[in-house]
Protein backbone atom coordinates (compact mmCIF):
# COMPACT_ATOMS: atom_id res chain seq x y z
CA MET A 1 0.47 -0.12 -0.10
CA THR A 2 1.26 3.12 -1.36
CA ASP A 3 1.76 6.34 1.63
CA ALA A 4 -0.80 8.25 -1.02
CA SER A 5 -3.31 5.81 -0.51
CA THR A 6 -3.10 4.74 3.58
CA ASN A 7 -3.05 8.65 3.58
CA LEU A 8 -6.20 9.01 1.80
CA LYS A 9 -7.25 6.36 4.21
CA ARG A 10 -6.19 7.68 6.92
CA ALA A 11 -8.00 11.19 5.89
CA ALA A 12 -11.24 9.60 5.40
CA GLN A 13 -11.21 7.95 8.68
CA MET A 14 -10.38 11.27 10.59
CA ILE A 15 -13.63 12.19 8.44
CA ALA A 16 -15.98 9.80 10.00
CA ASP A 17 -15.00 10.08 12.86
CA ALA A 18 -15.53 13.86 13.22
CA ARG A 19 -18.07 15.44 14.67
CA SER A 20 -17.66 19.04 14.25
CA VAL A 21 -15.83 19.61 10.59
CA VAL A 22 -14.51 22.87 9.45
CA ILE A 23 -13.10 23.25 5.76
CA LEU A 24 -11.06 26.21 4.46
CA THR A 25 -10.83 26.66 0.68
CA GLY A 26 -8.57 28.74 -1.05
CA ALA A 27 -7.72 29.98 -5.03
CA GLY A 28 -6.64 26.41 -5.67
CA VAL A 29 -10.02 24.78 -5.93
CA SER A 30 -11.02 27.11 -8.14
CA ALA A 31 -8.12 27.27 -10.43
CA GLU A 32 -9.34 23.95 -10.77
CA SER A 33 -12.60 25.05 -12.84
CA GLY A 34 -10.22 27.60 -15.01
CA LEU A 35 -10.31 30.88 -12.97
CA ALA A 36 -7.33 32.20 -12.42
CA THR A 37 -5.16 33.22 -9.37
CA PHE A 38 -3.98 36.42 -8.51
CA ARG A 39 -0.14 34.64 -8.49
CA ASP A 40 -1.12 33.40 -12.14
CA PRO A 41 -0.30 35.35 -15.06
CA GLU A 42 -3.80 36.77 -16.68
CA GLU A 43 -4.60 36.52 -20.98
CA GLY A 44 -5.09 39.19 -23.80
CA HIS A 45 -6.50 43.05 -22.21
CA TRP A 46 -5.86 42.34 -18.78
CA SER A 47 -2.47 40.97 -18.79
CA LYS A 48 -0.72 44.59 -18.44
CA TYR A 49 -2.56 45.66 -15.22
CA ASP A 50 -1.55 43.94 -12.00
CA PRO A 51 -4.59 42.66 -9.70
CA MET A 52 -2.46 43.48 -7.02
CA GLN A 53 -2.60 47.32 -7.47
CA LEU A 54 -6.34 46.96 -9.33
CA ALA A 55 -8.06 45.40 -6.37
CA THR A 56 -7.63 48.77 -3.65
CA LEU A 57 -9.65 51.13 -2.87
CA ASP A 58 -6.87 53.65 -4.06
CA ALA A 59 -7.31 52.33 -7.56
CA PHE A 60 -10.99 52.43 -7.64
CA ASN A 61 -11.00 56.06 -6.38
CA ALA A 62 -8.30 57.02 -8.88
CA ASP A 63 -10.20 55.18 -11.85
CA PRO A 64 -13.65 53.59 -10.93
CA GLU A 65 -14.31 53.10 -14.66
CA LEU A 66 -11.44 50.65 -15.02
CA VAL A 67 -11.52 48.52 -11.96
CA THR A 68 -15.30 48.18 -12.30
CA ARG A 69 -14.72 46.96 -16.30
CA TRP A 70 -12.01 44.86 -14.62
CA TYR A 71 -14.70 43.40 -12.25
CA HIS A 72 -17.17 42.90 -15.02
CA TRP A 73 -14.65 41.16 -16.82
CA ARG A 74 -13.59 38.77 -13.85
CA PHE A 75 -17.64 37.82 -12.82
CA THR A 76 -18.11 37.39 -16.29
CA ARG A 77 -15.44 34.25 -16.17
CA ALA A 78 -16.84 33.12 -12.80
CA ARG A 79 -20.16 33.08 -14.31
CA ASP A 80 -19.32 31.29 -16.81
CA VAL A 81 -17.11 28.34 -15.84
CA GLN A 82 -18.23 25.20 -13.53
CA PRO A 83 -18.30 24.17 -10.08
CA ASN A 84 -15.92 20.99 -9.99
CA PRO A 85 -15.83 17.94 -8.69
CA GLY A 86 -13.46 19.46 -5.30
CA HIS A 87 -16.57 22.05 -5.07
CA PHE A 88 -19.22 19.36 -5.47
CA ALA A 89 -17.91 16.79 -3.29
CA ILE A 90 -17.57 19.15 -0.19
CA ALA A 91 -21.01 20.15 -0.58
CA ALA A 92 -21.87 16.21 -0.72
CA LEU A 93 -19.58 15.86 2.75
CA GLN A 94 -21.81 18.55 3.94
CA LYS A 95 -25.06 17.50 3.55
CA HIS A 96 -24.03 14.21 4.60
CA LYS A 97 -22.23 15.76 7.83
CA ALA A 98 -25.77 17.64 8.47
CA GLU A 99 -27.74 13.93 7.99
CA GLN A 100 -25.59 12.73 11.20
CA ALA A 101 -26.37 15.52 12.82
CA GLN A 102 -22.97 16.95 12.59
CA SER A 103 -21.79 19.60 11.34
CA LEU A 104 -19.25 21.00 8.90
CA THR A 105 -18.74 24.71 8.42
CA LEU A 106 -17.56 25.96 4.66
CA ILE A 107 -15.16 28.81 4.76
CA THR A 108 -13.28 29.78 1.39
CA GLN A 109 -11.50 32.80 0.60
CA ASN A 110 -13.10 32.57 -3.02
CA VAL A 111 -15.53 35.48 -3.84
CA ASP A 112 -16.31 33.63 -6.71
CA GLY A 113 -20.09 31.90 -5.46
CA LEU A 114 -18.87 28.60 -6.99
CA HIS A 115 -19.61 27.01 -3.90
CA GLN A 116 -23.01 27.41 -3.78
CA ARG A 117 -23.46 26.60 -7.36
CA ALA A 118 -22.02 22.91 -6.21
CA GLY A 119 -25.13 22.96 -3.48
CA ALA A 120 -22.81 24.13 -0.53
CA ALA A 121 -25.21 25.80 2.58
CA ASP A 122 -24.50 28.62 4.87
CA VAL A 123 -20.45 29.31 3.61
CA VAL A 124 -18.84 32.25 5.43
CA GLU A 125 -17.08 34.23 2.97
CA LEU A 126 -13.81 35.47 4.36
CA HIS A 127 -13.50 37.81 1.97
CA GLY A 128 -16.38 39.18 0.42
CA THR A 129 -18.41 37.99 -3.82
CA ILE A 130 -18.40 39.21 -6.24
CA HIS A 131 -22.10 38.46 -6.50
CA THR A 132 -23.28 41.40 -4.37
CA TRP A 133 -22.61 45.35 -4.78
CA ARG A 134 -23.24 48.14 -2.71
CA CYS A 135 -23.11 52.24 -3.00
CA THR A 136 -20.12 54.16 -1.76
CA THR A 137 -22.33 56.84 -0.77
CA THR A 138 -25.12 54.55 1.29
CA GLY A 139 -23.65 51.25 1.27
CA LYS A 140 -26.87 49.70 0.52
CA GLU A 141 -25.89 46.07 -1.32
CA THR A 142 -27.75 45.28 -4.34
CA PRO A 143 -27.27 41.44 -6.01
CA LEU A 144 -25.01 41.70 -9.11
CA SER A 145 -28.03 40.25 -11.30
CA GLU A 146 -30.34 43.08 -10.59
CA LEU A 147 -27.07 45.43 -12.09
CA SER A 148 -26.71 46.91 -15.36
CA PHE A 149 -23.19 47.28 -17.03
CA ASP A 150 -24.49 49.53 -19.40
CA THR A 151 -22.23 52.29 -18.07
CA PHE A 152 -18.99 52.27 -16.52
CA PRO A 153 -18.39 52.49 -13.03
CA ILE A 154 -22.15 52.35 -12.30
CA PRO A 155 -23.75 55.13 -10.61
CA SER A 156 -25.68 54.06 -7.49
CA ALA A 157 -29.34 55.88 -7.07
CA ALA A 158 -27.82 57.66 -4.46
CA GLY A 159 -25.18 59.89 -6.25
CA GLY A 160 -22.64 56.87 -5.48
CA LEU A 161 -20.84 54.39 -7.29
CA MET A 162 -21.24 50.75 -6.77
CA ARG A 163 -18.59 48.99 -6.03
CA PRO A 164 -18.30 44.80 -5.82
CA CYS A 165 -18.75 43.29 -2.43
CA ILE A 166 -15.27 42.58 -1.70
CA VAL A 167 -12.52 43.10 0.68
CA TRP A 168 -10.19 44.89 -1.37
CA PHE A 169 -6.36 44.60 0.16
CA GLY A 170 -6.04 47.08 2.52
CA GLU A 171 -9.83 47.14 3.97
CA MET A 172 -11.03 44.77 6.77
CA LEU A 173 -12.66 41.71 6.80
CA PRO A 174 -15.77 41.28 7.81
CA GLN A 175 -16.16 41.22 11.27
CA GLU A 176 -19.48 38.36 11.18
CA ALA A 177 -16.90 36.25 9.15
CA LEU A 178 -14.50 36.60 11.10
CA GLU A 179 -15.98 35.64 14.32
CA ARG A 180 -17.50 33.17 12.52
CA SER A 181 -14.44 31.30 11.95
CA PHE A 182 -12.97 31.47 15.13
CA GLY A 183 -15.84 30.28 16.89
CA ALA A 184 -15.93 27.07 14.32
CA MET A 185 -12.11 27.03 14.89
CA ALA A 186 -13.13 26.78 18.87
CA GLU A 187 -15.55 24.02 18.73
CA CYS A 188 -14.02 21.56 15.70
CA ASP A 189 -12.40 18.20 16.03
CA LEU A 190 -11.38 18.21 12.56
CA PHE A 191 -9.72 20.87 10.28
CA ILE A 192 -9.42 20.62 7.07
CA SER A 193 -7.46 23.61 4.46
CA ILE A 194 -7.87 22.55 0.85
CA GLY A 195 -6.44 24.56 -2.15
CA THR A 196 -4.25 27.37 -0.41
CA SER A 197 -0.96 28.07 1.35
CA ALA A 198 -2.81 29.33 4.13
CA THR A 199 -0.23 32.09 4.68
CA VAL A 200 -2.54 35.09 4.71
CA GLU A 201 -3.71 36.63 7.89
CA PRO A 202 -6.61 35.02 9.30
CA ALA A 203 -6.44 32.36 7.37
CA ALA A 204 -2.51 32.05 8.69
CA SER A 205 -4.27 32.08 12.19
CA PHE A 206 -6.88 29.18 11.53
CA LEU A 207 -4.91 25.78 11.41
CA LEU A 208 -2.87 27.24 14.57
CA ALA A 209 -6.26 27.72 16.53
CA ALA A 210 -8.12 24.62 15.96
CA LYS A 211 -4.57 22.49 16.75
CA GLY A 212 -4.41 24.60 19.73
CA ASN A 213 -8.00 23.24 20.69
CA GLY A 214 -7.16 19.98 20.06
CA ALA A 215 -8.60 19.42 16.41
CA ALA A 216 -6.95 16.63 13.99
CA THR A 217 -5.73 18.63 11.12
CA ILE A 218 -5.98 17.89 7.09
CA GLU A 219 -3.91 19.75 4.27
CA ILE A 220 -5.32 19.09 0.44
CA ASN A 221 -3.23 21.16 -1.96
CA ARG A 222 -1.43 20.85 -5.32
CA ASP A 223 1.80 22.04 -4.02
CA PRO A 224 3.26 21.94 -0.89
CA THR A 225 2.77 24.63 1.87
CA PRO A 226 4.20 25.58 4.92
CA ASN A 227 2.06 24.00 6.75
CA THR A 228 2.53 20.49 5.14
CA SER A 229 4.69 19.43 8.12
CA ILE A 230 2.78 20.31 10.47
CA VAL A 231 -0.81 18.84 9.60
CA ASP A 232 -1.81 15.13 10.74
CA VAL A 233 -2.28 14.06 7.16
CA ALA A 234 -0.97 16.22 3.77
CA LEU A 235 -2.40 15.04 0.48
CA GLN A 236 -0.97 16.50 -2.11
CA GLY A 237 -2.95 17.02 -5.72
CA PRO A 238 -5.70 18.32 -7.60
CA SER A 239 -8.83 18.92 -4.50
CA GLY A 240 -10.74 18.02 -7.66
CA SER A 241 -9.66 13.90 -7.73
CA ILE A 242 -8.86 14.06 -3.90
CA LEU A 243 -11.83 14.56 -2.71
CA PRO A 244 -14.09 12.12 -4.87
CA LEU A 245 -12.14 9.75 -3.77
CA ILE A 246 -12.17 10.77 -0.33
CA LEU A 247 -15.68 10.19 -0.81
CA ASN A 248 -15.78 6.50 -1.97
CA GLU A 249 -13.60 5.59 0.85
CA LEU A 250 -16.44 7.38 3.18
CA GLY A 251 -19.55 5.41 1.03
CA ILE A 252 -20.98 8.42 -0.02
CA GLY A 253 -22.25 8.56 -3.17
């Protein structure tokens, strides 16, 4: 039996034994659906722009048309791709745990809504969502589906502009999402990191918080991360390949 097979079976058993699971997902999960991460080079027109410089309040204030057009392009890409087997496996596992009168809290750093499209419920969105926009004057939020992108930037009814409800670089994360996340860390007996290096705060603190409260830990990622050596089980590879194998071990269809 290979080490990979042993670790897969061990991970499945840990999940089966856990009564309160927390899953943290990052850009790697969405990348398997074809969405580039911020670290990946873009293609076409937007390849000449640095996402790190566009995703800021300063950039929006300086050139709201440019930033709005960029986010229009980003949500169009998110709309046109499909959830992958990793997304569906997480949703299926969450449903299974609920049927067992257990819990699975899904926390994501992604803003694309692919987890929800795959059937996941009550997702904690640490970095906000591209599917809701808000007025810069009143803060009133509007679903993306109700907005018209006939002009760039988009004027709001209150005389301000509409911006995506995404946490830009330099902005504070939603307090409710943080409270729910750390509350889940305090109560879980298993923490699973999927598709993220988890090196940026507060996600970087989640693993240590969970371990500090006695939780077992699993990492699933394409490449090794700084956390690979400290988790109980590390599975290297695409989550869309590994998670369905875990579900098969658990007998979840």
